[in-house]
Amino acid sequence: MASSRLERIGTIFTRVEGLLTKGAMRADDRPLWFDVYRAFPPLAEPKFAKPKPEINPIRQILYPEDAIRAKFHSSGHGLGTVSMISPTETQTKRLVQQYEKLKSEGVPEEELIEKAAAVVGSERQLEVAKAKVTAQSPDSVTAKVLADADIKNIFSEK
């Protein structure tokens, strides 16, 4: 029976129903699900030889900012780290905003990417410098935690 292909002929319900009507299976031995399936049949009968579903091609969704992002990333800008904790905008989003701002000011198309990247880069350097100053101040929470931490003996039992 290992090479049997009876599962392709009918559903399990029709086969059990056939066994019951021909007397090969007693009504007391029928499966638990049989009466439920008979009372509430599915809308589409589950068959082995179902037609394949129609596969529609995925349409491309492109926004105007995508072309700008592609220009930045192809020139090597916009790949900075992203902090998932802080609510600040990503570097790529800031690059696109700066690009739009410079474009509205009338900057030539050839210079837009480099000027926007320079402005955002300088903003990023100011943020990094500000973060370093904050981390180095003795009153900050980070400084207090680092002062209390005993890193050399972190794994020793107390």
N, C-alpha and C. Protein backbone atom coordinates (compact mmCIF):
# COMPACT_ATOMS: atom_id res chain seq x y z
N MET A 1 0.82 -1.19 0.00
CA MET A 1 0.00 0.00 0.00
C MET A 1 0.86 1.26 0.00
N ALA A 2 2.19 1.09 0.06
CA ALA A 2 3.07 2.24 0.10
C ALA A 2 3.01 3.03 -1.20
N SER A 3 2.68 2.37 -2.29
CA SER A 3 2.61 3.10 -3.56
C SER A 3 1.18 3.47 -3.92
N SER A 4 0.26 3.42 -2.98
CA SER A 4 -1.14 3.74 -3.24
C SER A 4 -1.30 5.24 -3.45
N ARG A 5 -2.17 5.58 -4.38
CA ARG A 5 -2.44 6.99 -4.65
C ARG A 5 -3.92 7.29 -4.44
N LEU A 6 -4.53 6.58 -3.52
CA LEU A 6 -5.95 6.77 -3.27
C LEU A 6 -6.26 8.14 -2.70
N GLU A 7 -5.28 8.80 -2.07
CA GLU A 7 -5.54 10.13 -1.50
C GLU A 7 -5.86 11.14 -2.59
N ARG A 8 -5.53 10.80 -3.83
CA ARG A 8 -5.82 11.72 -4.94
C ARG A 8 -7.24 11.53 -5.48
N ILE A 9 -7.87 10.43 -5.15
CA ILE A 9 -9.19 10.13 -5.70
C ILE A 9 -10.28 10.92 -4.99
N GLY A 10 -10.28 10.93 -3.69
CA GLY A 10 -11.32 11.64 -2.95
C GLY A 10 -10.77 12.16 -1.64
N THR A 11 -11.62 12.84 -0.91
CA THR A 11 -11.19 13.37 0.39
C THR A 11 -11.33 12.29 1.44
N ILE A 12 -10.74 12.51 2.57
CA ILE A 12 -10.84 11.55 3.67
C ILE A 12 -12.30 11.40 4.11
N PHE A 13 -13.07 12.47 4.01
CA PHE A 13 -14.47 12.42 4.38
C PHE A 13 -15.25 11.49 3.45
N THR A 14 -15.04 11.61 2.14
CA THR A 14 -15.77 10.76 1.20
C THR A 14 -15.35 9.30 1.35
N ARG A 15 -14.11 9.03 1.68
CA ARG A 15 -13.66 7.65 1.87
C ARG A 15 -14.26 7.04 3.14
N VAL A 16 -14.29 7.82 4.24
CA VAL A 16 -14.90 7.31 5.47
C VAL A 16 -16.41 7.13 5.26
N GLU A 17 -17.02 8.06 4.55
CA GLU A 17 -18.45 7.95 4.25
C GLU A 17 -18.74 6.69 3.42
N GLY A 18 -17.87 6.41 2.47
CA GLY A 18 -18.02 5.19 1.66
C GLY A 18 -17.87 3.94 2.50
N LEU A 19 -16.91 3.95 3.43
CA LEU A 19 -16.75 2.79 4.31
C LEU A 19 -17.98 2.57 5.18
N LEU A 20 -18.57 3.67 5.66
CA LEU A 20 -19.76 3.56 6.49
C LEU A 20 -20.97 3.05 5.70
N THR A 21 -21.16 3.55 4.47
CA THR A 21 -22.33 3.14 3.68
C THR A 21 -22.21 1.70 3.19
N LYS A 22 -21.01 1.21 2.91
CA LYS A 22 -20.81 -0.16 2.43
C LYS A 22 -20.72 -1.17 3.57
N GLY A 23 -20.63 -0.68 4.79
CA GLY A 23 -20.58 -1.57 5.93
C GLY A 23 -19.19 -2.02 6.31
N ALA A 24 -18.16 -1.46 5.72
CA ALA A 24 -16.79 -1.83 6.07
C ALA A 24 -16.38 -1.23 7.41
N MET A 25 -17.09 -0.19 7.83
CA MET A 25 -16.83 0.43 9.13
C MET A 25 -18.17 0.57 9.85
N ARG A 26 -18.19 0.20 11.11
CA ARG A 26 -19.41 0.35 11.89
C ARG A 26 -19.61 1.81 12.26
N ALA A 27 -20.85 2.19 12.48
CA ALA A 27 -21.16 3.58 12.85
C ALA A 27 -20.55 3.95 14.19
N ASP A 28 -20.38 2.97 15.07
CA ASP A 28 -19.76 3.25 16.37
C ASP A 28 -18.26 3.51 16.25
N ASP A 29 -17.63 3.06 15.17
CA ASP A 29 -16.18 3.22 14.99
C ASP A 29 -15.81 4.45 14.16
N ARG A 30 -16.81 5.23 13.78
CA ARG A 30 -16.49 6.40 12.94
C ARG A 30 -15.67 7.41 13.75
N PRO A 31 -14.83 8.22 13.07
CA PRO A 31 -13.99 9.21 13.77
C PRO A 31 -14.84 10.30 14.43
N LEU A 32 -14.26 10.94 15.43
CA LEU A 32 -14.97 12.00 16.16
C LEU A 32 -15.33 13.17 15.26
N TRP A 33 -14.46 13.48 14.33
CA TRP A 33 -14.65 14.67 13.49
C TRP A 33 -15.71 14.46 12.42
N PHE A 34 -16.12 13.23 12.16
CA PHE A 34 -16.99 12.93 11.03
C PHE A 34 -18.35 13.63 11.13
N ASP A 35 -18.98 13.57 12.29
CA ASP A 35 -20.30 14.21 12.46
C ASP A 35 -20.20 15.72 12.40
N VAL A 36 -19.12 16.27 12.93
CA VAL A 36 -18.92 17.73 12.89
C VAL A 36 -18.72 18.18 11.45
N TYR A 37 -17.92 17.41 10.70
CA TYR A 37 -17.65 17.76 9.30
C TYR A 37 -18.94 17.66 8.48
N ARG A 38 -19.77 16.66 8.78
CA ARG A 38 -21.03 16.50 8.04
C ARG A 38 -21.98 17.66 8.38
N ALA A 39 -22.01 18.10 9.63
CA ALA A 39 -22.89 19.19 10.04
C ALA A 39 -22.41 20.55 9.53
N PHE A 40 -21.10 20.74 9.50
CA PHE A 40 -20.52 22.03 9.08
C PHE A 40 -19.47 21.79 8.00
N PRO A 41 -19.90 21.51 6.78
CA PRO A 41 -18.91 21.27 5.72
C PRO A 41 -18.18 22.56 5.35
N PRO A 42 -16.94 22.44 4.87
CA PRO A 42 -16.19 23.64 4.48
C PRO A 42 -16.80 24.27 3.22
N LEU A 43 -16.54 25.55 3.03
CA LEU A 43 -17.06 26.24 1.85
C LEU A 43 -16.45 25.69 0.56
N ALA A 44 -15.16 25.44 0.58
CA ALA A 44 -14.48 24.85 -0.58
C ALA A 44 -13.97 23.48 -0.15
N GLU A 45 -14.38 22.45 -0.87
CA GLU A 45 -14.01 21.09 -0.50
C GLU A 45 -12.50 20.90 -0.69
N PRO A 46 -11.81 20.39 0.33
CA PRO A 46 -10.36 20.21 0.20
C PRO A 46 -10.04 19.02 -0.71
N LYS A 47 -9.49 19.30 -1.87
CA LYS A 47 -9.15 18.26 -2.82
C LYS A 47 -7.65 18.27 -3.06
N PHE A 48 -7.15 17.09 -3.46
CA PHE A 48 -5.72 16.98 -3.73
C PHE A 48 -5.35 17.76 -4.99
N ALA A 49 -6.19 17.67 -6.01
CA ALA A 49 -5.88 18.27 -7.31
C ALA A 49 -6.50 19.65 -7.43
N LYS A 50 -6.18 20.54 -6.51
CA LYS A 50 -6.68 21.91 -6.58
C LYS A 50 -5.95 22.64 -7.71
N PRO A 51 -6.63 23.56 -8.36
CA PRO A 51 -5.90 24.37 -9.34
C PRO A 51 -4.94 25.30 -8.61
N LYS A 52 -3.83 25.58 -9.25
CA LYS A 52 -2.85 26.46 -8.64
C LYS A 52 -3.42 27.86 -8.51
N PRO A 53 -3.11 28.53 -7.41
CA PRO A 53 -3.63 29.90 -7.26
C PRO A 53 -2.98 30.84 -8.26
N GLU A 54 -3.73 31.83 -8.65
CA GLU A 54 -3.22 32.80 -9.60
C GLU A 54 -2.19 33.69 -8.90
N ILE A 55 -1.02 33.76 -9.47
CA ILE A 55 0.05 34.55 -8.87
C ILE A 55 0.18 35.85 -9.64
N ASN A 56 -0.15 36.92 -8.97
CA ASN A 56 -0.03 38.24 -9.59
C ASN A 56 1.38 38.77 -9.35
N PRO A 57 1.97 39.40 -10.33
CA PRO A 57 3.32 39.94 -10.11
C PRO A 57 3.28 41.07 -9.09
N ILE A 58 4.33 41.17 -8.31
CA ILE A 58 4.43 42.22 -7.31
C ILE A 58 4.77 43.53 -8.01
N ARG A 59 3.95 44.52 -7.80
CA ARG A 59 4.22 45.80 -8.47
C ARG A 59 5.27 46.57 -7.67
N GLN A 60 6.06 47.30 -8.38
CA GLN A 60 7.12 48.08 -7.76
C GLN A 60 6.52 49.34 -7.11
N ILE A 61 6.91 49.58 -5.88
CA ILE A 61 6.46 50.77 -5.18
C ILE A 61 7.71 51.64 -4.96
N LEU A 62 7.80 52.71 -5.67
CA LEU A 62 8.93 53.61 -5.55
C LEU A 62 8.43 55.01 -5.21
N TYR A 63 9.08 55.61 -4.26
CA TYR A 63 8.76 56.97 -3.86
C TYR A 63 9.85 57.90 -4.39
N PRO A 64 9.56 59.19 -4.49
CA PRO A 64 10.59 60.12 -4.98
C PRO A 64 11.85 60.12 -4.11
N GLU A 65 11.67 59.87 -2.80
CA GLU A 65 12.84 59.86 -1.90
C GLU A 65 13.74 58.67 -2.18
N ASP A 66 13.20 57.60 -2.77
CA ASP A 66 14.01 56.42 -3.03
C ASP A 66 15.14 56.71 -4.01
N ALA A 67 14.87 57.54 -5.01
CA ALA A 67 15.92 57.91 -5.96
C ALA A 67 17.01 58.72 -5.26
N ILE A 68 16.59 59.60 -4.34
CA ILE A 68 17.57 60.40 -3.60
C ILE A 68 18.40 59.50 -2.70
N ARG A 69 17.74 58.57 -1.99
CA ARG A 69 18.47 57.63 -1.13
C ARG A 69 19.46 56.81 -1.93
N ALA A 70 19.05 56.37 -3.11
CA ALA A 70 19.94 55.58 -3.96
C ALA A 70 21.18 56.38 -4.34
N LYS A 71 21.00 57.66 -4.65
CA LYS A 71 22.15 58.51 -4.98
C LYS A 71 23.10 58.63 -3.79
N PHE A 72 22.54 58.84 -2.58
CA PHE A 72 23.37 58.97 -1.39
C PHE A 72 24.12 57.68 -1.10
N HIS A 73 23.42 56.57 -1.13
CA HIS A 73 24.05 55.30 -0.79
C HIS A 73 25.07 54.87 -1.85
N SER A 74 24.82 55.18 -3.11
CA SER A 74 25.79 54.82 -4.15
C SER A 74 27.06 55.66 -4.04
N SER A 75 26.94 56.87 -3.47
CA SER A 75 28.14 57.69 -3.28
C SER A 75 28.79 57.47 -1.92
N GLY A 76 28.23 56.55 -1.10
CA GLY A 76 28.86 56.18 0.16
C GLY A 76 28.36 56.94 1.38
N HIS A 77 27.32 57.70 1.25
CA HIS A 77 26.77 58.46 2.38
C HIS A 77 25.54 57.75 2.93
N GLY A 78 25.19 58.05 4.15
CA GLY A 78 23.94 57.57 4.70
C GLY A 78 23.97 56.19 5.31
N LEU A 79 25.14 55.65 5.55
CA LEU A 79 25.23 54.32 6.12
C LEU A 79 25.67 54.36 7.57
N GLY A 80 25.29 55.38 8.29
CA GLY A 80 25.67 55.50 9.69
C GLY A 80 24.90 54.54 10.57
N THR A 81 25.36 54.39 11.79
CA THR A 81 24.66 53.51 12.73
C THR A 81 23.34 54.13 13.15
N VAL A 82 22.40 53.29 13.47
CA VAL A 82 21.08 53.73 13.88
C VAL A 82 20.83 53.24 15.29
N SER A 83 20.51 54.14 16.18
CA SER A 83 20.18 53.77 17.55
C SER A 83 18.68 53.56 17.63
N MET A 84 18.28 52.35 18.00
CA MET A 84 16.86 52.03 18.09
C MET A 84 16.25 52.59 19.37
N ILE A 85 17.07 53.02 20.30
CA ILE A 85 16.58 53.53 21.58
C ILE A 85 16.23 55.01 21.48
N SER A 86 17.10 55.77 20.89
CA SER A 86 16.88 57.21 20.84
C SER A 86 15.87 57.56 19.75
N PRO A 87 15.02 58.54 20.00
CA PRO A 87 13.98 58.90 19.03
C PRO A 87 14.47 59.81 17.90
N THR A 88 15.77 59.99 17.75
CA THR A 88 16.27 60.87 16.71
C THR A 88 16.08 60.24 15.34
N GLU A 89 16.11 61.07 14.32
CA GLU A 89 15.92 60.60 12.95
C GLU A 89 17.20 59.90 12.47
N THR A 90 17.03 59.04 11.48
CA THR A 90 18.19 58.36 10.91
C THR A 90 18.98 59.34 10.05
N GLN A 91 20.23 58.98 9.79
CA GLN A 91 21.09 59.84 9.00
C GLN A 91 20.55 59.94 7.57
N THR A 92 20.02 58.87 7.04
CA THR A 92 19.49 58.90 5.68
C THR A 92 18.30 59.84 5.59
N LYS A 93 17.43 59.83 6.59
CA LYS A 93 16.27 60.73 6.57
C LYS A 93 16.73 62.18 6.64
N ARG A 94 17.73 62.44 7.46
CA ARG A 94 18.25 63.82 7.53
C ARG A 94 18.91 64.23 6.22
N LEU A 95 19.58 63.28 5.55
CA LEU A 95 20.19 63.58 4.25
C LEU A 95 19.12 63.95 3.23
N VAL A 96 18.01 63.21 3.21
CA VAL A 96 16.94 63.50 2.26
C VAL A 96 16.31 64.85 2.56
N GLN A 97 16.09 65.16 3.84
CA GLN A 97 15.51 66.46 4.20
C GLN A 97 16.44 67.60 3.81
N GLN A 98 17.73 67.43 4.06
CA GLN A 98 18.70 68.47 3.70
C GLN A 98 18.77 68.62 2.18
N TYR A 99 18.68 67.50 1.46
CA TYR A 99 18.70 67.52 -0.01
C TYR A 99 17.52 68.34 -0.53
N GLU A 100 16.32 68.08 0.03
CA GLU A 100 15.13 68.82 -0.40
C GLU A 100 15.25 70.30 -0.07
N LYS A 101 15.82 70.61 1.09
CA LYS A 101 15.98 72.00 1.50
C LYS A 101 16.94 72.73 0.55
N LEU A 102 18.07 72.10 0.24
CA LEU A 102 19.04 72.72 -0.66
C LEU A 102 18.48 72.84 -2.08
N LYS A 103 17.69 71.85 -2.48
CA LYS A 103 17.10 71.89 -3.83
C LYS A 103 16.12 73.05 -3.94
N SER A 104 15.35 73.31 -2.87
CA SER A 104 14.40 74.43 -2.89
C SER A 104 15.13 75.78 -2.87
N GLU A 105 16.38 75.79 -2.36
CA GLU A 105 17.16 77.02 -2.35
C GLU A 105 17.82 77.29 -3.69
N GLY A 106 17.78 76.32 -4.61
CA GLY A 106 18.31 76.53 -5.95
C GLY A 106 19.75 76.07 -6.14
N VAL A 107 20.23 75.17 -5.32
CA VAL A 107 21.59 74.64 -5.48
C VAL A 107 21.61 73.73 -6.71
N PRO A 108 22.67 73.80 -7.54
CA PRO A 108 22.75 72.95 -8.73
C PRO A 108 22.69 71.46 -8.38
N GLU A 109 22.12 70.67 -9.28
CA GLU A 109 21.88 69.24 -9.06
C GLU A 109 23.17 68.47 -8.77
N GLU A 110 24.27 68.86 -9.41
CA GLU A 110 25.54 68.14 -9.24
C GLU A 110 26.10 68.29 -7.82
N GLU A 111 25.82 69.42 -7.19
CA GLU A 111 26.39 69.71 -5.88
C GLU A 111 25.47 69.33 -4.71
N LEU A 112 24.23 68.97 -5.01
CA LEU A 112 23.24 68.73 -3.95
C LEU A 112 23.67 67.62 -2.99
N ILE A 113 24.11 66.50 -3.51
CA ILE A 113 24.43 65.35 -2.67
C ILE A 113 25.61 65.66 -1.76
N GLU A 114 26.66 66.21 -2.33
CA GLU A 114 27.85 66.49 -1.53
C GLU A 114 27.58 67.55 -0.47
N LYS A 115 26.85 68.60 -0.82
CA LYS A 115 26.57 69.65 0.17
C LYS A 115 25.66 69.13 1.28
N ALA A 116 24.64 68.35 0.92
CA ALA A 116 23.74 67.79 1.94
C ALA A 116 24.50 66.84 2.85
N ALA A 117 25.38 66.02 2.28
CA ALA A 117 26.18 65.09 3.09
C ALA A 117 27.13 65.86 4.01
N ALA A 118 27.69 66.95 3.53
CA ALA A 118 28.59 67.74 4.37
C ALA A 118 27.84 68.37 5.55
N VAL A 119 26.65 68.90 5.30
CA VAL A 119 25.87 69.53 6.36
C VAL A 119 25.47 68.49 7.41
N VAL A 120 24.97 67.36 6.95
CA VAL A 120 24.53 66.32 7.88
C VAL A 120 25.73 65.72 8.62
N GLY A 121 26.85 65.60 7.94
CA GLY A 121 28.08 65.09 8.59
C GLY A 121 28.54 66.01 9.70
N SER A 122 28.49 67.33 9.46
CA SER A 122 28.89 68.27 10.51
C SER A 122 27.91 68.23 11.69
N GLU A 123 26.61 68.08 11.40
CA GLU A 123 25.63 67.94 12.48
C GLU A 123 25.91 66.69 13.31
N ARG A 124 26.26 65.63 12.62
CA ARG A 124 26.53 64.36 13.31
C ARG A 124 27.77 64.48 14.19
N GLN A 125 28.81 65.16 13.70
CA GLN A 125 30.01 65.35 14.50
C GLN A 125 29.71 66.17 15.75
N LEU A 126 28.85 67.17 15.62
CA LEU A 126 28.47 67.97 16.80
C LEU A 126 27.72 67.10 17.81
N GLU A 127 26.84 66.22 17.33
CA GLU A 127 26.10 65.34 18.24
C GLU A 127 27.04 64.37 18.95
N VAL A 128 28.01 63.82 18.22
CA VAL A 128 28.96 62.89 18.82
C VAL A 128 29.81 63.60 19.87
N ALA A 129 30.26 64.81 19.55
CA ALA A 129 31.06 65.57 20.51
C ALA A 129 30.24 65.91 21.75
N LYS A 130 28.98 66.27 21.55
CA LYS A 130 28.10 66.58 22.68
C LYS A 130 27.88 65.35 23.55
N ALA A 131 27.73 64.18 22.91
CA ALA A 131 27.53 62.94 23.66
C ALA A 131 28.77 62.58 24.47
N LYS A 132 29.96 62.83 23.91
CA LYS A 132 31.20 62.55 24.64
C LYS A 132 31.34 63.45 25.85
N VAL A 133 31.00 64.72 25.70
CA VAL A 133 31.09 65.66 26.82
C VAL A 133 30.11 65.25 27.91
N THR A 134 28.92 64.84 27.52
CA THR A 134 27.91 64.42 28.50
C THR A 134 28.37 63.17 29.24
N ALA A 135 28.98 62.23 28.50
CA ALA A 135 29.43 60.98 29.12
C ALA A 135 30.62 61.21 30.03
N GLN A 136 31.42 62.26 29.76
CA GLN A 136 32.61 62.51 30.57
C GLN A 136 32.32 63.36 31.80
N SER A 137 31.16 63.96 31.88
CA SER A 137 30.87 64.79 33.04
C SER A 137 30.66 63.89 34.26
N PRO A 138 31.23 64.25 35.41
CA PRO A 138 31.15 63.39 36.59
C PRO A 138 29.74 63.27 37.18
N ASP A 139 28.84 64.15 36.81
CA ASP A 139 27.49 64.10 37.35
C ASP A 139 26.54 63.23 36.54
N SER A 140 26.99 62.72 35.39
CA SER A 140 26.10 61.93 34.55
C SER A 140 25.85 60.55 35.14
N VAL A 141 24.77 59.94 34.76
CA VAL A 141 24.40 58.62 35.25
C VAL A 141 25.42 57.58 34.80
N THR A 142 25.90 57.70 33.57
CA THR A 142 26.89 56.75 33.05
C THR A 142 28.16 56.80 33.87
N ALA A 143 28.60 58.01 34.21
CA ALA A 143 29.81 58.14 35.01
C ALA A 143 29.63 57.51 36.38
N LYS A 144 28.46 57.65 36.98
CA LYS A 144 28.20 57.05 38.30
C LYS A 144 28.19 55.54 38.23
N VAL A 145 27.58 54.99 37.19
CA VAL A 145 27.54 53.53 37.04
C VAL A 145 28.93 52.97 36.82
N LEU A 146 29.72 53.64 35.97
CA LEU A 146 31.08 53.18 35.71
C LEU A 146 31.96 53.30 36.94
N ALA A 147 31.72 54.30 37.78
CA ALA A 147 32.52 54.46 38.99
C ALA A 147 32.21 53.34 39.99
N ASP A 148 30.96 52.91 40.05
CA ASP A 148 30.56 51.85 40.97
C ASP A 148 30.93 50.46 40.48
N ALA A 149 31.14 50.30 39.19
CA ALA A 149 31.41 48.98 38.61
C ALA A 149 32.84 48.55 38.92
N ASP A 150 32.98 47.30 39.32
CA ASP A 150 34.29 46.71 39.57
C ASP A 150 34.55 45.70 38.46
N ILE A 151 35.06 46.19 37.34
CA ILE A 151 35.18 45.36 36.14
C ILE A 151 36.24 44.28 36.30
N LYS A 152 37.29 44.53 37.04
CA LYS A 152 38.35 43.53 37.20
C LYS A 152 37.85 42.31 37.96
N ASN A 153 36.98 42.51 38.91
CA ASN A 153 36.50 41.41 39.74
C ASN A 153 35.02 41.09 39.45
N ILE A 154 34.61 41.26 38.22
CA ILE A 154 33.21 41.10 37.90
C ILE A 154 32.73 39.65 38.05
N PHE A 155 33.63 38.67 37.81
CA PHE A 155 33.21 37.28 37.88
C PHE A 155 33.58 36.60 39.20
N SER A 156 34.22 37.31 40.08
CA SER A 156 34.57 36.70 41.35
C SER A 156 33.34 36.68 42.27
N GLU A 157 33.26 35.62 43.07
CA GLU A 157 32.13 35.50 43.98
C GLU A 157 32.40 36.33 45.23
N LYS A 158 31.37 36.95 45.74
CA LYS A 158 31.54 37.80 46.92
C LYS A 158 31.05 37.12 48.15
